[in-house]
Amino acid sequence: MRGLGVCTPLLFVLVTTVGCDTLFGRSDDLTPSSTHPGADFNRNGADAGSEDGRREVAAYVNFTDVLESSDEQGWYTIFEHTLATYQEAPSRERRLRLALVLSLADRKSVDSQVTRNLLTDARNLFHDTVHDPDPIPPLVRKFAQLELAEVETRLALYEELQSLRSQLAKVHQESQNAQRDRYETEARMRRIDAALAEANAKLQAVMNIERNIGATGKETFP
């Protein structure tokens, strides 16, 4: 934890200098020109906000790269650190970083129930960011929207997978019950066949006695 705490500021400084023009394009060229006296000021303000959004999103993208390249223990260490810093002083940046850590739970954890719980927490954090009433750079809000949609898709797939597993378990149980019933039915049929064979043998014995008595001229059974 001490090592991570030392490296995190340096990592943040490095990743915030990376641009995201290739991912999101440049919105500067989309700003229409105007002869209004305040147009340049407004455009420069918008450019500054776009650039801030690019730098912030670049930091999140690089943070995700670090998470994906870490092993399970490294991911868990980052998770503990990110959770602690968010609980200490919640902010949009720390909330998004925590959401990004949680969004990779299914790639770092083997417990399916824990995975779904962590992904649900990530979805809620992304949702809070998307619907945050405070001013947020448009690129950051869009980034959170994309992450939210991706996590919701994976949660839906996990729910469908869980449903299919439940159906499979039910079918398997029904198959076992049907096999057990078949064995019991076959055993009962064997008992009935044996009882019929015994009854037929007794009947044949009686008929043989009757034929023997009839052959000697004596009265037969009524």
C-alpha atoms as a PDB file:
ATOM      1  CA  MET A   1       0.000   0.000   0.000  1.00  0.00           C
ATOM      2  CA  ARG A   2       2.858   2.410   0.764  1.00  0.00           C
ATOM      3  CA  GLY A   3       4.454   1.652  -2.593  1.00  0.00           C
ATOM      4  CA  LEU A   4       1.168   2.233  -4.397  1.00  0.00           C
ATOM      5  CA  GLY A   5       0.625   5.494  -2.553  1.00  0.00           C
ATOM      6  CA  VAL A   6       4.042   6.736  -3.711  1.00  0.00           C
ATOM      7  CA  CYS A   7       3.582   5.698  -7.341  1.00  0.00           C
ATOM      8  CA  THR A   8       0.022   6.906  -7.787  1.00  0.00           C
ATOM      9  CA  PRO A   9       0.794  10.695  -7.934  1.00  0.00           C
ATOM     10  CA  LEU A  10       3.560  10.093 -10.478  1.00  0.00           C
ATOM     11  CA  LEU A  11       1.297   7.836 -12.543  1.00  0.00           C
ATOM     12  CA  PHE A  12      -1.421  10.476 -12.495  1.00  0.00           C
ATOM     13  CA  VAL A  13       0.999  13.175 -13.685  1.00  0.00           C
ATOM     14  CA  LEU A  14       2.162  10.970 -16.545  1.00  0.00           C
ATOM     15  CA  VAL A  15      -1.248   9.860 -17.789  1.00  0.00           C
ATOM     16  CA  THR A  16      -2.852  13.283 -17.641  1.00  0.00           C
ATOM     17  CA  THR A  17      -0.401  14.514 -20.286  1.00  0.00           C
ATOM     18  CA  VAL A  18      -1.695  11.983 -22.859  1.00  0.00           C
ATOM     19  CA  GLY A  19      -4.353  13.173 -25.335  1.00  0.00           C
ATOM     20  CA  CYS A  20      -7.422  11.278 -26.539  1.00  0.00           C
ATOM     21  CA  ASP A  21      -7.854  12.926 -29.941  1.00  0.00           C
ATOM     22  CA  THR A  22      -7.680   9.569 -31.709  1.00  0.00           C
ATOM     23  CA  LEU A  23     -10.459   8.146 -29.506  1.00  0.00           C
ATOM     24  CA  PHE A  24     -12.880  11.029 -29.333  1.00  0.00           C
ATOM     25  CA  GLY A  25     -11.810  13.349 -32.174  1.00  0.00           C
ATOM     26  CA  ARG A  26     -11.255  17.049 -31.870  1.00  0.00           C
ATOM     27  CA  SER A  27     -14.274  19.189 -31.154  1.00  0.00           C
ATOM     28  CA  ASP A  28     -12.321  22.414 -31.735  1.00  0.00           C
ATOM     29  CA  ASP A  29     -12.867  22.216 -35.509  1.00  0.00           C
ATOM     30  CA  LEU A  30     -16.610  21.782 -34.969  1.00  0.00           C
ATOM     31  CA  THR A  31     -16.981  25.161 -33.269  1.00  0.00           C
ATOM     32  CA  PRO A  32     -18.542  27.653 -35.746  1.00  0.00           C
ATOM     33  CA  SER A  33     -16.838  30.978 -36.195  1.00  0.00           C
ATOM     34  CA  SER A  34     -18.691  34.133 -35.276  1.00  0.00           C
ATOM     35  CA  THR A  35     -18.197  37.864 -35.557  1.00  0.00           C
ATOM     36  CA  HIS A  36     -19.832  38.436 -32.191  1.00  0.00           C
ATOM     37  CA  PRO A  37     -17.431  40.353 -29.902  1.00  0.00           C
ATOM     38  CA  GLY A  38     -17.589  37.614 -27.267  1.00  0.00           C
ATOM     39  CA  ALA A  39     -17.269  34.709 -29.701  1.00  0.00           C
ATOM     40  CA  ASP A  40     -13.523  34.255 -29.276  1.00  0.00           C
ATOM     41  CA  PHE A  41     -13.854  34.281 -25.519  1.00  0.00           C
ATOM     42  CA  ASN A  42     -16.649  31.697 -25.544  1.00  0.00           C
ATOM     43  CA  ARG A  43     -14.804  29.511 -28.018  1.00  0.00           C
ATOM     44  CA  ASN A  44     -11.621  29.626 -26.004  1.00  0.00           C
ATOM     45  CA  GLY A  45     -13.559  28.729 -22.889  1.00  0.00           C
ATOM     46  CA  ALA A  46     -15.160  25.789 -24.672  1.00  0.00           C
ATOM     47  CA  ASP A  47     -11.750  24.707 -25.986  1.00  0.00           C
ATOM     48  CA  ALA A  48     -10.325  24.825 -22.500  1.00  0.00           C
ATOM     49  CA  GLY A  49     -13.191  22.713 -21.186  1.00  0.00           C
ATOM     50  CA  SER A  50     -12.733  20.189 -24.010  1.00  0.00           C
ATOM     51  CA  GLU A  51      -9.032  19.973 -23.333  1.00  0.00           C
ATOM     52  CA  ASP A  52      -9.662  19.429 -19.626  1.00  0.00           C
ATOM     53  CA  GLY A  53     -12.104  16.677 -20.552  1.00  0.00           C
ATOM     54  CA  ARG A  54      -9.567  15.034 -22.850  1.00  0.00           C
ATOM     55  CA  ARG A  55      -6.889  15.050 -20.191  1.00  0.00           C
ATOM     56  CA  GLU A  56      -9.274  13.642 -17.586  1.00  0.00           C
ATOM     57  CA  VAL A  57     -10.506  10.874 -19.890  1.00  0.00           C
ATOM     58  CA  ALA A  58      -6.914  10.097 -20.891  1.00  0.00           C
ATOM     59  CA  ALA A  59      -6.117   9.591 -17.208  1.00  0.00           C
ATOM     60  CA  TYR A  60      -9.032   7.157 -16.857  1.00  0.00           C
ATOM     61  CA  VAL A  61      -8.024   5.240 -19.996  1.00  0.00           C
ATOM     62  CA  ASN A  62      -4.459   4.853 -18.786  1.00  0.00           C
ATOM     63  CA  PHE A  63      -5.685   3.902 -15.322  1.00  0.00           C
ATOM     64  CA  THR A  64      -7.780   1.160 -16.953  1.00  0.00           C
ATOM     65  CA  ASP A  65      -4.705  -0.069 -18.838  1.00  0.00           C
ATOM     66  CA  VAL A  66      -2.851  -0.375 -15.535  1.00  0.00           C
ATOM     67  CA  LEU A  67      -5.765  -2.338 -14.054  1.00  0.00           C
ATOM     68  CA  GLU A  68      -6.024  -4.717 -16.995  1.00  0.00           C
ATOM     69  CA  SER A  69      -2.288  -5.428 -16.950  1.00  0.00           C
ATOM     70  CA  SER A  70      -2.249  -6.223 -13.218  1.00  0.00           C
ATOM     71  CA  ASP A  71      -2.760  -9.673 -11.753  1.00  0.00           C
ATOM     72  CA  GLU A  72      -5.474 -10.508  -9.226  1.00  0.00           C
ATOM     73  CA  GLN A  73      -3.385  -9.457  -6.221  1.00  0.00           C
ATOM     74  CA  GLY A  74      -2.353  -6.193  -7.902  1.00  0.00           C
ATOM     75  CA  TRP A  75      -5.967  -5.463  -8.804  1.00  0.00           C
ATOM     76  CA  TYR A  76      -7.055  -6.120  -5.238  1.00  0.00           C
ATOM     77  CA  THR A  77      -4.351  -3.801  -3.872  1.00  0.00           C
ATOM     78  CA  ILE A  78      -5.463  -1.015  -6.230  1.00  0.00           C
ATOM     79  CA  PHE A  79      -9.053  -1.688  -5.245  1.00  0.00           C
ATOM     80  CA  GLU A  80      -8.288  -1.276  -1.536  1.00  0.00           C
ATOM     81  CA  HIS A  81      -6.343   1.934  -2.164  1.00  0.00           C
ATOM     82  CA  THR A  82      -8.984   3.421  -4.469  1.00  0.00           C
ATOM     83  CA  LEU A  83     -11.813   2.539  -2.095  1.00  0.00           C
ATOM     84  CA  ALA A  84      -9.966   4.078   0.858  1.00  0.00           C
ATOM     85  CA  THR A  85      -9.259   7.337  -0.964  1.00  0.00           C
ATOM     86  CA  TYR A  86     -12.865   7.574  -2.171  1.00  0.00           C
ATOM     87  CA  GLN A  87     -14.218   7.003   1.329  1.00  0.00           C
ATOM     88  CA  GLU A  88     -11.784   9.584   2.701  1.00  0.00           C
ATOM     89  CA  ALA A  89     -12.817  12.349   0.299  1.00  0.00           C
ATOM     90  CA  PRO A  90     -15.451  11.467  -2.337  1.00  0.00           C
ATOM     91  CA  SER A  91     -15.056  13.316  -5.621  1.00  0.00           C
ATOM     92  CA  ARG A  92     -16.016  12.751  -9.226  1.00  0.00           C
ATOM     93  CA  GLU A  93     -12.512  11.619 -10.184  1.00  0.00           C
ATOM     94  CA  ARG A  94     -12.219   9.188  -7.262  1.00  0.00           C
ATOM     95  CA  ARG A  95     -15.739   7.889  -7.848  1.00  0.00           C
ATOM     96  CA  LEU A  96     -14.959   7.168 -11.496  1.00  0.00           C
ATOM     97  CA  ARG A  97     -11.665   5.495 -10.629  1.00  0.00           C
ATOM     98  CA  LEU A  98     -13.403   3.263  -8.089  1.00  0.00           C
ATOM     99  CA  ALA A  99     -16.074   2.435 -10.664  1.00  0.00           C
ATOM    100  CA  LEU A 100     -13.370   1.475 -13.168  1.00  0.00           C
ATOM    101  CA  VAL A 101     -11.727  -0.831 -10.636  1.00  0.00           C
ATOM    102  CA  LEU A 102     -15.033  -2.500  -9.798  1.00  0.00           C
ATOM    103  CA  SER A 103     -15.944  -2.843 -13.477  1.00  0.00           C
ATOM    104  CA  LEU A 104     -13.058  -5.314 -13.908  1.00  0.00           C
ATOM    105  CA  ALA A 105     -14.138  -7.528 -11.024  1.00  0.00           C
ATOM    106  CA  ASP A 106     -15.273 -10.338 -13.314  1.00  0.00           C
ATOM    107  CA  ARG A 107     -11.792 -10.518 -14.851  1.00  0.00           C
ATOM    108  CA  LYS A 108      -9.995 -10.622 -11.516  1.00  0.00           C
ATOM    109  CA  SER A 109     -12.369 -12.527  -9.209  1.00  0.00           C
ATOM    110  CA  VAL A 110     -13.561 -16.136  -9.465  1.00  0.00           C
ATOM    111  CA  ASP A 111     -16.531 -15.818  -7.125  1.00  0.00           C
ATOM    112  CA  SER A 112     -19.596 -15.284  -9.324  1.00  0.00           C
ATOM    113  CA  GLN A 113     -21.799 -13.828  -6.589  1.00  0.00           C
ATOM    114  CA  VAL A 114     -19.118 -11.366  -5.449  1.00  0.00           C
ATOM    115  CA  THR A 115     -18.478 -10.463  -9.091  1.00  0.00           C
ATOM    116  CA  ARG A 116     -22.116  -9.576  -9.710  1.00  0.00           C
ATOM    117  CA  ASN A 117     -22.232  -7.497  -6.527  1.00  0.00           C
ATOM    118  CA  LEU A 118     -19.110  -5.544  -7.499  1.00  0.00           C
ATOM    119  CA  LEU A 119     -20.342  -4.999 -11.051  1.00  0.00           C
ATOM    120  CA  THR A 120     -23.640  -3.745  -9.628  1.00  0.00           C
ATOM    121  CA  ASP A 121     -21.715  -1.268  -7.458  1.00  0.00           C
ATOM    122  CA  ALA A 122     -19.731  -0.161 -10.526  1.00  0.00           C
ATOM    123  CA  ARG A 123     -22.967   0.366 -12.463  1.00  0.00           C
ATOM    124  CA  ASN A 124     -24.362   2.521  -9.656  1.00  0.00           C
ATOM    125  CA  LEU A 125     -21.204   4.646  -9.514  1.00  0.00           C
ATOM    126  CA  PHE A 126     -21.188   5.182 -13.282  1.00  0.00           C
ATOM    127  CA  HIS A 127     -24.893   6.018 -13.113  1.00  0.00           C
ATOM    128  CA  ASP A 128     -24.248   8.611 -10.413  1.00  0.00           C
ATOM    129  CA  THR A 129     -21.557  10.191 -12.583  1.00  0.00           C
ATOM    130  CA  VAL A 130     -23.739  10.293 -15.702  1.00  0.00           C
ATOM    131  CA  HIS A 131     -26.576  11.930 -13.769  1.00  0.00           C
ATOM    132  CA  ASP A 132     -24.375  14.146 -11.592  1.00  0.00           C
ATOM    133  CA  PRO A 133     -26.023  17.597 -11.433  1.00  0.00           C
ATOM    134  CA  ASP A 134     -22.649  19.296 -11.024  1.00  0.00           C
ATOM    135  CA  PRO A 135     -20.863  20.575 -14.161  1.00  0.00           C
ATOM    136  CA  ILE A 136     -18.886  17.799 -15.874  1.00  0.00           C
ATOM    137  CA  PRO A 137     -16.828  18.014 -19.066  1.00  0.00           C
ATOM    138  CA  PRO A 138     -18.926  16.498 -21.865  1.00  0.00           C
ATOM    139  CA  LEU A 139     -16.208  13.990 -22.761  1.00  0.00           C
ATOM    140  CA  VAL A 140     -16.068  12.745 -19.184  1.00  0.00           C
ATOM    141  CA  ARG A 141     -19.837  12.345 -19.039  1.00  0.00           C
ATOM    142  CA  LYS A 142     -19.770  10.513 -22.380  1.00  0.00           C
ATOM    143  CA  PHE A 143     -16.987   8.256 -21.117  1.00  0.00           C
ATOM    144  CA  ALA A 144     -19.073   7.402 -18.053  1.00  0.00           C
ATOM    145  CA  GLN A 145     -22.090   6.703 -20.278  1.00  0.00           C
ATOM    146  CA  LEU A 146     -20.097   4.258 -22.402  1.00  0.00           C
ATOM    147  CA  GLU A 147     -18.732   2.482 -19.328  1.00  0.00           C
ATOM    148  CA  LEU A 148     -22.230   2.337 -17.825  1.00  0.00           C
ATOM    149  CA  ALA A 149     -23.661   0.751 -20.978  1.00  0.00           C
ATOM    150  CA  GLU A 150     -20.830  -1.788 -21.099  1.00  0.00           C
ATOM    151  CA  VAL A 151     -21.274  -2.809 -17.454  1.00  0.00           C
ATOM    152  CA  GLU A 152     -25.057  -3.059 -17.845  1.00  0.00           C
ATOM    153  CA  THR A 153     -24.570  -5.343 -20.853  1.00  0.00           C
ATOM    154  CA  ARG A 154     -22.266  -7.631 -18.907  1.00  0.00           C
ATOM    155  CA  LEU A 155     -24.629  -7.700 -15.930  1.00  0.00           C
ATOM    156  CA  ALA A 156     -27.496  -8.665 -18.243  1.00  0.00           C
ATOM    157  CA  LEU A 157     -25.367 -11.472 -19.686  1.00  0.00           C
ATOM    158  CA  TYR A 158     -24.494 -12.695 -16.199  1.00  0.00           C
ATOM    159  CA  GLU A 159     -28.183 -12.675 -15.273  1.00  0.00           C
ATOM    160  CA  GLU A 160     -29.022 -14.651 -18.413  1.00  0.00           C
ATOM    161  CA  LEU A 161     -26.185 -17.071 -17.691  1.00  0.00           C
ATOM    162  CA  GLN A 162     -27.454 -17.552 -14.141  1.00  0.00           C
ATOM    163  CA  SER A 163     -30.960 -18.188 -15.487  1.00  0.00           C
ATOM    164  CA  LEU A 164     -29.651 -20.778 -17.946  1.00  0.00           C
ATOM    165  CA  ARG A 165     -27.684 -22.478 -15.207  1.00  0.00           C
ATOM    166  CA  SER A 166     -30.803 -22.639 -13.053  1.00  0.00           C
ATOM    167  CA  GLN A 167     -32.758 -24.117 -15.948  1.00  0.00           C
ATOM    168  CA  LEU A 168     -30.000 -26.643 -16.589  1.00  0.00           C
ATOM    169  CA  ALA A 169     -29.945 -27.629 -12.924  1.00  0.00           C
ATOM    170  CA  LYS A 170     -33.734 -28.035 -12.994  1.00  0.00           C
ATOM    171  CA  VAL A 171     -33.598 -30.174 -16.131  1.00  0.00           C
ATOM    172  CA  HIS A 172     -30.805 -32.253 -14.618  1.00  0.00           C
ATOM    173  CA  GLN A 173     -32.841 -32.779 -11.445  1.00  0.00           C
ATOM    174  CA  GLU A 174     -35.903 -33.702 -13.484  1.00  0.00           C
ATOM    175  CA  SER A 175     -33.788 -36.125 -15.497  1.00  0.00           C
ATOM    176  CA  GLN A 176     -32.503 -37.735 -12.318  1.00  0.00           C
ATOM    177  CA  ASN A 177     -36.046 -37.990 -10.954  1.00  0.00           C
ATOM    178  CA  ALA A 178     -37.245 -39.520 -14.232  1.00  0.00           C
ATOM    179  CA  GLN A 179     -34.389 -42.036 -14.177  1.00  0.00           C
ATOM    180  CA  ARG A 180     -35.178 -42.944 -10.582  1.00  0.00           C
ATOM    181  CA  ASP A 181     -38.871 -43.352 -11.457  1.00  0.00           C
ATOM    182  CA  ARG A 182     -37.919 -45.546 -14.405  1.00  0.00           C
ATOM    183  CA  TYR A 183     -35.772 -47.776 -12.184  1.00  0.00           C
ATOM    184  CA  GLU A 184     -38.583 -48.039  -9.658  1.00  0.00           C
ATOM    185  CA  THR A 185     -41.110 -48.835 -12.407  1.00  0.00           C
ATOM    186  CA  GLU A 186     -38.855 -51.488 -13.910  1.00  0.00           C
ATOM    187  CA  ALA A 187     -38.356 -53.075 -10.475  1.00  0.00           C
ATOM    188  CA  ARG A 188     -42.112 -53.115  -9.912  1.00  0.00           C
ATOM    189  CA  MET A 189     -42.672 -54.687 -13.323  1.00  0.00           C
ATOM    190  CA  ARG A 190     -40.153 -57.406 -12.470  1.00  0.00           C
ATOM    191  CA  ARG A 191     -41.991 -58.123  -9.220  1.00  0.00           C
ATOM    192  CA  ILE A 192     -45.327 -58.273 -11.053  1.00  0.00           C
ATOM    193  CA  ASP A 193     -43.844 -60.575 -13.720  1.00  0.00           C
ATOM    194  CA  ALA A 194     -42.532 -62.873 -10.989  1.00  0.00           C
ATOM    195  CA  ALA A 195     -45.916 -62.904  -9.240  1.00  0.00           C
ATOM    196  CA  LEU A 196     -47.676 -63.674 -12.534  1.00  0.00           C
ATOM    197  CA  ALA A 197     -45.228 -66.462 -13.281  1.00  0.00           C
ATOM    198  CA  GLU A 198     -45.844 -67.937  -9.859  1.00  0.00           C
ATOM    199  CA  ALA A 199     -49.641 -67.680 -10.284  1.00  0.00           C
ATOM    200  CA  ASN A 200     -49.449 -69.277 -13.715  1.00  0.00           C
ATOM    201  CA  ALA A 201     -47.344 -72.097 -12.343  1.00  0.00           C
ATOM    202  CA  LYS A 202     -49.927 -72.787  -9.622  1.00  0.00           C
ATOM    203  CA  LEU A 203     -52.758 -72.668 -12.155  1.00  0.00           C
ATOM    204  CA  GLN A 204     -50.912 -75.085 -14.418  1.00  0.00           C
ATOM    205  CA  ALA A 205     -50.418 -77.447 -11.501  1.00  0.00           C
ATOM    206  CA  VAL A 206     -54.135 -77.417 -10.716  1.00  0.00           C
ATOM    207  CA  MET A 207     -55.018 -78.036 -14.379  1.00  0.00           C
ATOM    208  CA  ASN A 208     -52.603 -80.981 -14.495  1.00  0.00           C
ATOM    209  CA  ILE A 209     -54.289 -82.488 -11.435  1.00  0.00           C
ATOM    210  CA  GLU A 210     -57.714 -82.114 -13.052  1.00  0.00           C
ATOM    211  CA  ARG A 211     -56.525 -83.804 -16.246  1.00  0.00           C
ATOM    212  CA  ASN A 212     -55.057 -86.688 -14.273  1.00  0.00           C
ATOM    213  CA  ILE A 213     -58.297 -87.242 -12.322  1.00  0.00           C
ATOM    214  CA  GLY A 214     -60.382 -87.094 -15.519  1.00  0.00           C
ATOM    215  CA  ALA A 215     -58.222 -89.722 -17.161  1.00  0.00           C
ATOM    216  CA  THR A 216     -58.997 -92.312 -14.440  1.00  0.00           C
ATOM    217  CA  GLY A 217     -62.786 -91.756 -14.691  1.00  0.00           C
ATOM    218  CA  LYS A 218     -63.120 -90.034 -11.378  1.00  0.00           C
ATOM    219  CA  GLU A 219     -64.991 -86.827 -10.835  1.00  0.00           C
ATOM    220  CA  THR A 220     -63.135 -83.678 -11.627  1.00  0.00           C
ATOM    221  CA  PHE A 221     -63.269 -80.442  -9.791  1.00  0.00           C
ATOM    222  CA  PRO A 222     -66.404 -78.452 -10.455  1.00  0.00           C
END
